[in-house]
Amino acid sequence: MKQLLRSTTAYKAMKAGAFRSALVLFPDEKYLRTLLKECAKRFFGAEDGSRVATLIDGENFSDCLLLPKEGAKWTVDDCEKISEESLLAPVEGAKKLFLLDAFHTAPALVQNKLLKILEEPPEGVYFLLGASAEFSVLPTVLSRTVKYVVPPFAEEEVERALAHKYPAENVKQAAGASGGIFSVGESLLSGENFALARRFLSLEEPELFCRELGERKDREEFFAALKSLLRDMLMKSVGQTKYVRSETPDEGYPTGALIASLELVGEAEKQIKFNANFASCLYALALGIKEEKEKWQR
């Protein structure tokens, strides 16, 4: 995973330090904090195994402050701490770096309170913000930061990284369904979501099953498995079996229905990102897919 993070444009840009306030947009929320720390090590020129690198990994380096605390939510108190700490001189060098993690979760009040310091940081002070979704960051913050967009990784890159960490048989399938998000590939290695996706496509009366699925937290992984399964079914439908990654159910979906179903899944994902009810969204998706299947079977 470390090599994946170090291949990003955001990581490479840190050595030049061509920013005072920067925003890293990285779609893998689980590893966003890790990416910020890797960027900090490059920013300070800390080599692997060095004291500074170890302190940054442990979030204990005096000239690199990571907020909020891991697992905590953003609060106005964090803004006060940033303001106070930014006025203190660096302890070990000429630079002090603030890492602002999960900034897409910061309330508008917090983001607004940080606007002035992001626009005009004190001498020697730098800010690196991390977010997994741009739409949750205020336009006024975006206008005050240099933006580094890290796109999803290539399927082959995720597969190599997964194989290095998890010598499992279904690494290729998990990587193919991950959408370029390493943590999604990790979660998919259990294979449970692929089984759930197969059930989802085979049910005649999906309401109860959708309610059960609605309690799950691994929503991104379920959608990834469902899209992968539909894609494999589509490849099989058009005779491109060499591109099929997994065993596909024979549910009699016509080609047109599979294409339409993939589009419906994409729309459902968008709704979930805007806080739609997961169970209700799944039920509507199941009905939509069933309708497309029946329409194309006529």
C-alpha atoms as a PDB file:
ATOM      1  CA  MET A   1       0.000   0.000   0.000  1.00  0.00           C
ATOM      2  CA  LYS A   2       2.856   2.352   0.782  1.00  0.00           C
ATOM      3  CA  GLN A   3       4.117   2.122  -2.798  1.00  0.00           C
ATOM      4  CA  LEU A   4       0.653   2.954  -4.133  1.00  0.00           C
ATOM      5  CA  LEU A   5       0.478   6.066  -1.960  1.00  0.00           C
ATOM      6  CA  ARG A   6       3.962   7.143  -2.981  1.00  0.00           C
ATOM      7  CA  SER A   7       3.070   6.889  -6.656  1.00  0.00           C
ATOM      8  CA  THR A   8       0.474   9.666  -6.342  1.00  0.00           C
ATOM      9  CA  THR A   9       0.932  13.204  -7.645  1.00  0.00           C
ATOM     10  CA  ALA A  10       0.131  14.531  -4.184  1.00  0.00           C
ATOM     11  CA  TYR A  11       3.045  12.654  -2.616  1.00  0.00           C
ATOM     12  CA  LYS A  12       5.457  13.672  -5.363  1.00  0.00           C
ATOM     13  CA  ALA A  13       4.462  17.330  -5.049  1.00  0.00           C
ATOM     14  CA  MET A  14       5.424  17.461  -1.383  1.00  0.00           C
ATOM     15  CA  LYS A  15       9.170  17.616  -1.978  1.00  0.00           C
ATOM     16  CA  ALA A  16       8.923  20.844  -3.903  1.00  0.00           C
ATOM     17  CA  GLY A  17       6.691  22.340  -1.215  1.00  0.00           C
ATOM     18  CA  ALA A  18       5.057  24.590  -3.797  1.00  0.00           C
ATOM     19  CA  PHE A  19       2.131  25.458  -1.542  1.00  0.00           C
ATOM     20  CA  ARG A  20       1.240  27.113   1.720  1.00  0.00           C
ATOM     21  CA  SER A  21      -2.223  25.548   1.897  1.00  0.00           C
ATOM     22  CA  ALA A  22      -3.072  22.482  -0.177  1.00  0.00           C
ATOM     23  CA  LEU A  23      -5.970  20.054  -0.457  1.00  0.00           C
ATOM     24  CA  VAL A  24      -5.519  16.377  -1.345  1.00  0.00           C
ATOM     25  CA  LEU A  25      -8.628  14.716  -2.791  1.00  0.00           C
ATOM     26  CA  PHE A  26      -8.253  10.965  -2.310  1.00  0.00           C
ATOM     27  CA  PRO A  27     -11.222   8.610  -2.802  1.00  0.00           C
ATOM     28  CA  ASP A  28     -10.029   5.971  -0.316  1.00  0.00           C
ATOM     29  CA  GLU A  29     -11.228   7.406   2.980  1.00  0.00           C
ATOM     30  CA  LYS A  30      -9.805   4.529   5.022  1.00  0.00           C
ATOM     31  CA  TYR A  31      -6.252   5.318   3.887  1.00  0.00           C
ATOM     32  CA  LEU A  32      -6.563   9.107   3.653  1.00  0.00           C
ATOM     33  CA  ARG A  33      -4.839   9.662   7.002  1.00  0.00           C
ATOM     34  CA  THR A  34      -2.042   7.304   5.960  1.00  0.00           C
ATOM     35  CA  LEU A  35      -1.539   9.231   2.717  1.00  0.00           C
ATOM     36  CA  LEU A  36      -1.297  12.516   4.615  1.00  0.00           C
ATOM     37  CA  LYS A  37       1.423  11.064   6.849  1.00  0.00           C
ATOM     38  CA  GLU A  38       3.343   9.744   3.842  1.00  0.00           C
ATOM     39  CA  CYS A  39       3.132  13.232   2.309  1.00  0.00           C
ATOM     40  CA  ALA A  40       4.400  14.731   5.564  1.00  0.00           C
ATOM     41  CA  LYS A  41       7.433  12.436   5.572  1.00  0.00           C
ATOM     42  CA  ARG A  42       8.314  13.578   2.063  1.00  0.00           C
ATOM     43  CA  PHE A  43       7.670  17.211   3.023  1.00  0.00           C
ATOM     44  CA  PHE A  44      10.212  16.954   5.845  1.00  0.00           C
ATOM     45  CA  GLY A  45      12.607  14.734   3.884  1.00  0.00           C
ATOM     46  CA  ALA A  46      12.231  11.945   6.452  1.00  0.00           C
ATOM     47  CA  GLU A  47      13.628   8.648   5.186  1.00  0.00           C
ATOM     48  CA  ASP A  48      12.058   5.308   6.095  1.00  0.00           C
ATOM     49  CA  GLY A  49      13.174   4.148   9.521  1.00  0.00           C
ATOM     50  CA  SER A  50      14.430   7.583  10.572  1.00  0.00           C
ATOM     51  CA  ARG A  51      13.433   9.156  13.876  1.00  0.00           C
ATOM     52  CA  VAL A  52      11.294  11.810  12.181  1.00  0.00           C
ATOM     53  CA  ALA A  53       9.522   9.253   9.975  1.00  0.00           C
ATOM     54  CA  THR A  54       8.758   7.105  13.010  1.00  0.00           C
ATOM     55  CA  LEU A  55       7.441  10.101  14.944  1.00  0.00           C
ATOM     56  CA  ILE A  56       5.218  11.165  12.027  1.00  0.00           C
ATOM     57  CA  ASP A  57       3.795   7.646  11.727  1.00  0.00           C
ATOM     58  CA  GLY A  58       3.039   7.727  15.443  1.00  0.00           C
ATOM     59  CA  GLU A  59       1.608  11.259  15.145  1.00  0.00           C
ATOM     60  CA  ASN A  60       4.164  12.534  17.671  1.00  0.00           C
ATOM     61  CA  PHE A  61       6.441  14.811  15.625  1.00  0.00           C
ATOM     62  CA  SER A  62       6.442  18.270  17.190  1.00  0.00           C
ATOM     63  CA  ASP A  63       6.538  20.126  13.855  1.00  0.00           C
ATOM     64  CA  CYS A  64       3.768  18.047  12.256  1.00  0.00           C
ATOM     65  CA  LEU A  65       0.336  18.289  13.867  1.00  0.00           C
ATOM     66  CA  LEU A  66      -2.436  15.960  12.688  1.00  0.00           C
ATOM     67  CA  LEU A  67      -6.006  16.952  13.474  1.00  0.00           C
ATOM     68  CA  PRO A  68      -8.526  15.868  14.564  1.00  0.00           C
ATOM     69  CA  LYS A  69      -7.436  12.948  16.724  1.00  0.00           C
ATOM     70  CA  GLU A  70      -7.937   9.606  15.012  1.00  0.00           C
ATOM     71  CA  GLY A  71     -11.583   8.574  15.239  1.00  0.00           C
ATOM     72  CA  ALA A  72     -12.689  11.988  16.524  1.00  0.00           C
ATOM     73  CA  LYS A  73     -14.970  14.497  14.818  1.00  0.00           C
ATOM     74  CA  TRP A  74     -14.022  18.026  13.842  1.00  0.00           C
ATOM     75  CA  THR A  75     -14.935  20.665  16.440  1.00  0.00           C
ATOM     76  CA  VAL A  76     -14.441  24.395  16.953  1.00  0.00           C
ATOM     77  CA  ASP A  77     -11.868  23.488  19.624  1.00  0.00           C
ATOM     78  CA  ASP A  78      -9.675  22.082  16.842  1.00  0.00           C
ATOM     79  CA  CYS A  79      -9.748  25.499  15.170  1.00  0.00           C
ATOM     80  CA  GLU A  80      -8.584  27.127  18.390  1.00  0.00           C
ATOM     81  CA  LYS A  81      -5.729  24.640  18.714  1.00  0.00           C
ATOM     82  CA  ILE A  82      -4.637  25.273  15.133  1.00  0.00           C
ATOM     83  CA  SER A  83      -4.706  29.024  15.699  1.00  0.00           C
ATOM     84  CA  GLU A  84      -2.637  28.785  18.894  1.00  0.00           C
ATOM     85  CA  GLU A  85      -0.121  26.249  17.599  1.00  0.00           C
ATOM     86  CA  SER A  86       0.440  28.158  14.346  1.00  0.00           C
ATOM     87  CA  LEU A  87       1.817  31.095  16.337  1.00  0.00           C
ATOM     88  CA  LEU A  88       4.523  28.964  17.966  1.00  0.00           C
ATOM     89  CA  ALA A  89       7.862  28.612  16.203  1.00  0.00           C
ATOM     90  CA  PRO A  90       8.855  25.204  14.795  1.00  0.00           C
ATOM     91  CA  VAL A  91      10.852  23.116  17.266  1.00  0.00           C
ATOM     92  CA  GLU A  92      13.306  21.284  15.014  1.00  0.00           C
ATOM     93  CA  GLY A  93      13.497  23.217  11.773  1.00  0.00           C
ATOM     94  CA  ALA A  94      12.126  26.160   9.854  1.00  0.00           C
ATOM     95  CA  LYS A  95       8.747  24.620   8.896  1.00  0.00           C
ATOM     96  CA  LYS A  96       5.629  23.487  10.684  1.00  0.00           C
ATOM     97  CA  LEU A  97       3.023  21.374   8.883  1.00  0.00           C
ATOM     98  CA  PHE A  98      -0.610  20.956   9.866  1.00  0.00           C
ATOM     99  CA  LEU A  99      -2.349  17.848   8.496  1.00  0.00           C
ATOM    100  CA  LEU A 100      -6.116  18.281   8.492  1.00  0.00           C
ATOM    101  CA  ASP A 101      -7.642  14.850   8.059  1.00  0.00           C
ATOM    102  CA  ALA A 102     -11.142  13.982   6.753  1.00  0.00           C
ATOM    103  CA  PHE A 103     -11.836  17.624   5.970  1.00  0.00           C
ATOM    104  CA  HIS A 104     -14.936  16.584   4.024  1.00  0.00           C
ATOM    105  CA  THR A 105     -16.508  15.811   7.412  1.00  0.00           C
ATOM    106  CA  ALA A 106     -15.682  19.211   8.924  1.00  0.00           C
ATOM    107  CA  PRO A 107     -18.831  21.290   9.571  1.00  0.00           C
ATOM    108  CA  ALA A 108     -19.235  24.549   7.654  1.00  0.00           C
ATOM    109  CA  LEU A 109     -18.602  26.476  10.889  1.00  0.00           C
ATOM    110  CA  VAL A 110     -15.182  24.829  11.290  1.00  0.00           C
ATOM    111  CA  GLN A 111     -14.261  25.360   7.633  1.00  0.00           C
ATOM    112  CA  ASN A 112     -15.246  29.027   7.794  1.00  0.00           C
ATOM    113  CA  LYS A 113     -13.219  29.608  10.962  1.00  0.00           C
ATOM    114  CA  LEU A 114     -10.095  28.332   9.197  1.00  0.00           C
ATOM    115  CA  LEU A 115     -10.458  30.452   6.055  1.00  0.00           C
ATOM    116  CA  LYS A 116      -8.226  33.319   7.111  1.00  0.00           C
ATOM    117  CA  ILE A 117      -5.338  31.185   8.332  1.00  0.00           C
ATOM    118  CA  LEU A 118      -5.532  29.002   5.203  1.00  0.00           C
ATOM    119  CA  GLU A 119      -5.338  32.110   3.028  1.00  0.00           C
ATOM    120  CA  GLU A 120      -2.508  33.746   4.981  1.00  0.00           C
ATOM    121  CA  PRO A 121      -0.614  31.175   7.086  1.00  0.00           C
ATOM    122  CA  PRO A 122       2.008  32.533   9.495  1.00  0.00           C
ATOM    123  CA  GLU A 123       5.608  32.445   8.288  1.00  0.00           C
ATOM    124  CA  GLY A 124       6.934  28.903   8.078  1.00  0.00           C
ATOM    125  CA  VAL A 125       3.485  27.338   8.558  1.00  0.00           C
ATOM    126  CA  TYR A 126       1.952  25.012   5.960  1.00  0.00           C
ATOM    127  CA  PHE A 127      -1.420  23.300   5.729  1.00  0.00           C
ATOM    128  CA  LEU A 128      -2.233  20.016   4.022  1.00  0.00           C
ATOM    129  CA  LEU A 129      -5.924  19.135   4.005  1.00  0.00           C
ATOM    130  CA  GLY A 130      -7.232  15.698   3.108  1.00  0.00           C
ATOM    131  CA  ALA A 131     -10.730  14.939   1.819  1.00  0.00           C
ATOM    132  CA  SER A 132     -12.403  12.035   0.058  1.00  0.00           C
ATOM    133  CA  ALA A 133     -15.185  14.152  -1.497  1.00  0.00           C
ATOM    134  CA  GLU A 134     -14.810  17.608  -3.022  1.00  0.00           C
ATOM    135  CA  PHE A 135     -18.498  18.537  -2.829  1.00  0.00           C
ATOM    136  CA  SER A 136     -18.292  18.535   0.995  1.00  0.00           C
ATOM    137  CA  VAL A 137     -15.531  21.170   1.010  1.00  0.00           C
ATOM    138  CA  LEU A 138     -16.687  24.778   0.886  1.00  0.00           C
ATOM    139  CA  PRO A 139     -15.909  26.699  -2.337  1.00  0.00           C
ATOM    140  CA  THR A 140     -14.217  29.350  -0.190  1.00  0.00           C
ATOM    141  CA  VAL A 141     -11.793  26.699   1.096  1.00  0.00           C
ATOM    142  CA  LEU A 142     -11.193  25.335  -2.393  1.00  0.00           C
ATOM    143  CA  SER A 143     -10.326  28.820  -3.632  1.00  0.00           C
ATOM    144  CA  ARG A 144      -7.664  29.197  -0.930  1.00  0.00           C
ATOM    145  CA  THR A 145      -5.849  25.912  -1.511  1.00  0.00           C
ATOM    146  CA  VAL A 146      -3.737  24.226  -4.151  1.00  0.00           C
ATOM    147  CA  LYS A 147      -5.679  21.116  -5.158  1.00  0.00           C
ATOM    148  CA  TYR A 148      -4.088  17.716  -5.780  1.00  0.00           C
ATOM    149  CA  VAL A 149      -6.542  15.142  -7.131  1.00  0.00           C
ATOM    150  CA  VAL A 150      -5.581  11.505  -6.643  1.00  0.00           C
ATOM    151  CA  PRO A 151      -7.705   9.361  -8.986  1.00  0.00           C
ATOM    152  CA  PRO A 152      -8.531   5.709  -8.272  1.00  0.00           C
ATOM    153  CA  PHE A 153      -5.600   3.394  -8.912  1.00  0.00           C
ATOM    154  CA  ALA A 154      -5.399   1.106 -11.930  1.00  0.00           C
ATOM    155  CA  GLU A 155      -6.848  -2.364 -11.443  1.00  0.00           C
ATOM    156  CA  GLU A 156      -3.412  -3.930 -11.950  1.00  0.00           C
ATOM    157  CA  GLU A 157      -1.885  -1.699  -9.267  1.00  0.00           C
ATOM    158  CA  VAL A 158      -4.556  -2.660  -6.740  1.00  0.00           C
ATOM    159  CA  GLU A 159      -4.147  -6.334  -7.618  1.00  0.00           C
ATOM    160  CA  ARG A 160      -0.373  -6.214  -7.046  1.00  0.00           C
ATOM    161  CA  ALA A 161      -0.798  -4.398  -3.734  1.00  0.00           C
ATOM    162  CA  LEU A 162      -3.484  -6.821  -2.555  1.00  0.00           C
ATOM    163  CA  ALA A 163      -1.446  -9.853  -3.599  1.00  0.00           C
ATOM    164  CA  HIS A 164       1.545  -8.505  -1.659  1.00  0.00           C
ATOM    165  CA  LYS A 165      -0.513  -8.089   1.514  1.00  0.00           C
ATOM    166  CA  TYR A 166      -3.099 -10.858   1.135  1.00  0.00           C
ATOM    167  CA  PRO A 167      -2.070 -14.090  -0.638  1.00  0.00           C
ATOM    168  CA  ALA A 168      -5.717 -14.990  -1.303  1.00  0.00           C
ATOM    169  CA  GLU A 169      -7.143 -16.819  -4.294  1.00  0.00           C
ATOM    170  CA  ASN A 170      -9.727 -14.200  -5.237  1.00  0.00           C
ATOM    171  CA  VAL A 171      -7.351 -11.212  -5.330  1.00  0.00           C
ATOM    172  CA  LYS A 172      -7.910 -10.648  -9.050  1.00  0.00           C
ATOM    173  CA  GLN A 173     -11.681 -10.636  -8.633  1.00  0.00           C
ATOM    174  CA  ALA A 174     -11.503  -8.261  -5.655  1.00  0.00           C
ATOM    175  CA  ALA A 175      -9.140  -5.898  -7.474  1.00  0.00           C
ATOM    176  CA  GLY A 176     -11.343  -5.896 -10.550  1.00  0.00           C
ATOM    177  CA  ALA A 177     -14.391  -4.950  -8.494  1.00  0.00           C
ATOM    178  CA  SER A 178     -12.609  -2.396  -6.296  1.00  0.00           C
ATOM    179  CA  GLY A 179     -12.991   0.519  -8.670  1.00  0.00           C
ATOM    180  CA  GLY A 180      -9.369   1.382  -7.985  1.00  0.00           C
ATOM    181  CA  ILE A 181      -9.992   1.800  -4.222  1.00  0.00           C
ATOM    182  CA  PHE A 182      -7.576  -0.365  -2.227  1.00  0.00           C
ATOM    183  CA  SER A 183      -9.696  -0.572   0.929  1.00  0.00           C
ATOM    184  CA  VAL A 184     -12.699  -1.713  -1.124  1.00  0.00           C
ATOM    185  CA  GLY A 185     -10.554  -4.476  -2.610  1.00  0.00           C
ATOM    186  CA  GLU A 186      -9.507  -5.486   0.915  1.00  0.00           C
ATOM    187  CA  SER A 187     -13.113  -5.738   2.068  1.00  0.00           C
ATOM    188  CA  LEU A 188     -14.134  -7.705  -1.015  1.00  0.00           C
ATOM    189  CA  LEU A 189     -11.560 -10.437  -0.401  1.00  0.00           C
ATOM    190  CA  SER A 190     -13.916 -12.206   1.985  1.00  0.00           C
ATOM    191  CA  GLY A 191     -16.229 -12.888  -0.952  1.00  0.00           C
ATOM    192  CA  GLU A 192     -19.361 -12.224   1.130  1.00  0.00           C
ATOM    193  CA  ASN A 193     -20.481  -9.221  -0.887  1.00  0.00           C
ATOM    194  CA  PHE A 194     -20.238 -11.181  -4.135  1.00  0.00           C
ATOM    195  CA  ALA A 195     -22.580 -13.793  -2.644  1.00  0.00           C
ATOM    196  CA  LEU A 196     -24.966 -11.058  -1.509  1.00  0.00           C
ATOM    197  CA  ALA A 197     -24.896  -9.486  -4.976  1.00  0.00           C
ATOM    198  CA  ARG A 198     -25.847 -12.829  -6.554  1.00  0.00           C
ATOM    199  CA  ARG A 199     -28.774 -13.166  -4.166  1.00  0.00           C
ATOM    200  CA  PHE A 200     -29.830  -9.590  -4.856  1.00  0.00           C
ATOM    201  CA  LEU A 201     -30.100 -10.293  -8.600  1.00  0.00           C
ATOM    202  CA  SER A 202     -31.990 -13.564  -8.167  1.00  0.00           C
ATOM    203  CA  LEU A 203     -34.753 -12.487  -5.785  1.00  0.00           C
ATOM    204  CA  GLU A 204     -38.341 -12.188  -6.969  1.00  0.00           C
ATOM    205  CA  GLU A 205     -39.492 -10.512  -3.733  1.00  0.00           C
ATOM    206  CA  PRO A 206     -36.499  -8.425  -2.577  1.00  0.00           C
ATOM    207  CA  GLU A 207     -38.139  -6.204   0.080  1.00  0.00           C
ATOM    208  CA  LEU A 208     -37.119  -8.213   3.173  1.00  0.00           C
ATOM    209  CA  PHE A 209     -33.615  -8.868   1.844  1.00  0.00           C
ATOM    210  CA  CYS A 210     -33.136  -5.157   1.093  1.00  0.00           C
ATOM    211  CA  ARG A 211     -34.124  -4.293   4.658  1.00  0.00           C
ATOM    212  CA  GLU A 212     -31.503  -6.733   5.927  1.00  0.00           C
ATOM    213  CA  LEU A 213     -28.863  -5.308   3.592  1.00  0.00           C
ATOM    214  CA  GLY A 214     -29.800  -1.817   4.734  1.00  0.00           C
ATOM    215  CA  GLU A 215     -28.224  -2.532   8.127  1.00  0.00           C
ATOM    216  CA  ARG A 216     -24.795  -3.174   6.619  1.00  0.00           C
ATOM    217  CA  LYS A 217     -21.978  -0.643   6.809  1.00  0.00           C
ATOM    218  CA  ASP A 218     -19.940  -1.901   3.835  1.00  0.00           C
ATOM    219  CA  ARG A 219     -22.187  -0.217   1.293  1.00  0.00           C
ATOM    220  CA  GLU A 220     -19.433   0.799  -1.095  1.00  0.00           C
ATOM    221  CA  GLU A 221     -18.178  -2.787  -1.172  1.00  0.00           C
ATOM    222  CA  PHE A 222     -21.652  -4.185  -1.919  1.00  0.00           C
ATOM    223  CA  PHE A 223     -22.118  -1.815  -4.846  1.00  0.00           C
ATOM    224  CA  ALA A 224     -18.636  -2.698  -6.104  1.00  0.00           C
ATOM    225  CA  ALA A 225     -19.469  -6.416  -6.029  1.00  0.00           C
ATOM    226  CA  LEU A 226     -22.826  -5.821  -7.707  1.00  0.00           C
ATOM    227  CA  LYS A 227     -21.267  -3.789 -10.520  1.00  0.00           C
ATOM    228  CA  SER A 228     -18.541  -6.376 -11.007  1.00  0.00           C
ATOM    229  CA  LEU A 229     -21.100  -9.158 -11.233  1.00  0.00           C
ATOM    230  CA  LEU A 230     -23.268  -7.248 -13.716  1.00  0.00           C
ATOM    231  CA  ARG A 231     -20.189  -6.424 -15.787  1.00  0.00           C
ATOM    232  CA  ASP A 232     -19.161 -10.092 -15.920  1.00  0.00           C
ATOM    233  CA  MET A 233     -22.710 -11.053 -16.896  1.00  0.00           C
ATOM    234  CA  LEU A 234     -22.585  -8.441 -19.646  1.00  0.00           C
ATOM    235  CA  MET A 235     -19.245  -9.715 -20.964  1.00  0.00           C
ATOM    236  CA  LYS A 236     -20.643 -13.241 -21.001  1.00  0.00           C
ATOM    237  CA  SER A 237     -23.808 -12.028 -22.726  1.00  0.00           C
ATOM    238  CA  VAL A 238     -21.872 -10.476 -25.606  1.00  0.00           C
ATOM    239  CA  GLY A 239     -19.510 -13.434 -25.965  1.00  0.00           C
ATOM    240  CA  GLN A 240     -16.443 -11.821 -24.362  1.00  0.00           C
ATOM    241  CA  THR A 241     -15.884 -14.606 -21.841  1.00  0.00           C
ATOM    242  CA  LYS A 242     -12.132 -13.971 -21.664  1.00  0.00           C
ATOM    243  CA  TYR A 243     -12.920 -10.779 -19.705  1.00  0.00           C
ATOM    244  CA  VAL A 244     -15.141 -12.552 -17.159  1.00  0.00           C
ATOM    245  CA  ARG A 245     -13.492 -12.549 -13.735  1.00  0.00           C
ATOM    246  CA  SER A 246     -15.931 -14.671 -11.735  1.00  0.00           C
ATOM    247  CA  GLU A 247     -18.647 -17.288 -11.921  1.00  0.00           C
ATOM    248  CA  THR A 248     -21.845 -15.580 -13.044  1.00  0.00           C
ATOM    249  CA  PRO A 249     -25.420 -16.590 -12.260  1.00  0.00           C
ATOM    250  CA  ASP A 250     -27.641 -17.666 -15.136  1.00  0.00           C
ATOM    251  CA  GLU A 251     -30.618 -15.429 -14.439  1.00  0.00           C
ATOM    252  CA  GLY A 252     -31.665 -14.768 -18.018  1.00  0.00           C
ATOM    253  CA  TYR A 253     -30.763 -11.098 -18.167  1.00  0.00           C
ATOM    254  CA  PRO A 254     -30.738  -9.762 -21.752  1.00  0.00           C
ATOM    255  CA  THR A 255     -27.817  -7.571 -22.795  1.00  0.00           C
ATOM    256  CA  GLY A 256     -29.907  -4.393 -22.782  1.00  0.00           C
ATOM    257  CA  ALA A 257     -31.128  -5.115 -19.257  1.00  0.00           C
ATOM    258  CA  LEU A 258     -27.552  -5.565 -18.008  1.00  0.00           C
ATOM    259  CA  ILE A 259     -26.439  -2.248 -19.501  1.00  0.00           C
ATOM    260  CA  ALA A 260     -29.440  -0.465 -18.000  1.00  0.00           C
ATOM    261  CA  SER A 261     -28.864  -2.171 -14.630  1.00  0.00           C
ATOM    262  CA  LEU A 262     -25.291  -0.927 -14.458  1.00  0.00           C
ATOM    263  CA  GLU A 263     -26.566   2.607 -15.019  1.00  0.00           C
ATOM    264  CA  LEU A 264     -29.155   2.140 -12.272  1.00  0.00           C
ATOM    265  CA  VAL A 265     -26.469   1.011  -9.822  1.00  0.00           C
ATOM    266  CA  GLY A 266     -24.438   4.127 -10.625  1.00  0.00           C
ATOM    267  CA  GLU A 267     -27.446   6.324  -9.871  1.00  0.00           C
ATOM    268  CA  ALA A 268     -28.071   4.465  -6.619  1.00  0.00           C
ATOM    269  CA  GLU A 269     -24.468   5.082  -5.544  1.00  0.00           C
ATOM    270  CA  LYS A 270     -24.901   8.810  -6.127  1.00  0.00           C
ATOM    271  CA  GLN A 271     -28.050   8.861  -4.007  1.00  0.00           C
ATOM    272  CA  ILE A 272     -26.282   7.098  -1.147  1.00  0.00           C
ATOM    273  CA  LYS A 273     -23.471   9.649  -1.231  1.00  0.00           C
ATOM    274  CA  PHE A 274     -26.105  12.310  -0.674  1.00  0.00           C
ATOM    275  CA  ASN A 275     -27.414  10.439   2.374  1.00  0.00           C
ATOM    276  CA  ALA A 276     -30.364   8.581   0.866  1.00  0.00           C
ATOM    277  CA  ASN A 277     -31.730   5.738   2.995  1.00  0.00           C
ATOM    278  CA  PHE A 278     -29.731   2.660   2.039  1.00  0.00           C
ATOM    279  CA  ALA A 279     -32.521   0.069   2.423  1.00  0.00           C
ATOM    280  CA  SER A 280     -35.029   2.178   0.489  1.00  0.00           C
ATOM    281  CA  CYS A 281     -32.453   2.904  -2.195  1.00  0.00           C
ATOM    282  CA  LEU A 282     -31.672  -0.815  -2.559  1.00  0.00           C
ATOM    283  CA  TYR A 283     -35.349  -1.707  -2.840  1.00  0.00           C
ATOM    284  CA  ALA A 284     -35.902   0.909  -5.535  1.00  0.00           C
ATOM    285  CA  LEU A 285     -32.793  -0.398  -7.319  1.00  0.00           C
ATOM    286  CA  ALA A 286     -34.046  -4.001  -7.147  1.00  0.00           C
ATOM    287  CA  LEU A 287     -37.409  -2.987  -8.595  1.00  0.00           C
ATOM    288  CA  GLY A 288     -35.707  -0.958 -11.322  1.00  0.00           C
ATOM    289  CA  ILE A 289     -33.444  -3.862 -12.329  1.00  0.00           C
ATOM    290  CA  LYS A 290     -36.408  -6.265 -12.320  1.00  0.00           C
ATOM    291  CA  GLU A 291     -38.391  -3.873 -14.521  1.00  0.00           C
ATOM    292  CA  GLU A 292     -35.507  -3.589 -17.006  1.00  0.00           C
ATOM    293  CA  LYS A 293     -35.139  -7.375 -17.106  1.00  0.00           C
ATOM    294  CA  GLU A 294     -38.831  -7.872 -17.854  1.00  0.00           C
ATOM    295  CA  LYS A 295     -38.878  -5.079 -20.437  1.00  0.00           C
ATOM    296  CA  TRP A 296     -35.958  -6.548 -22.397  1.00  0.00           C
ATOM    297  CA  GLN A 297     -37.353 -10.077 -22.179  1.00  0.00           C
ATOM    298  CA  ARG A 298     -40.535  -9.106 -24.025  1.00  0.00           C
END
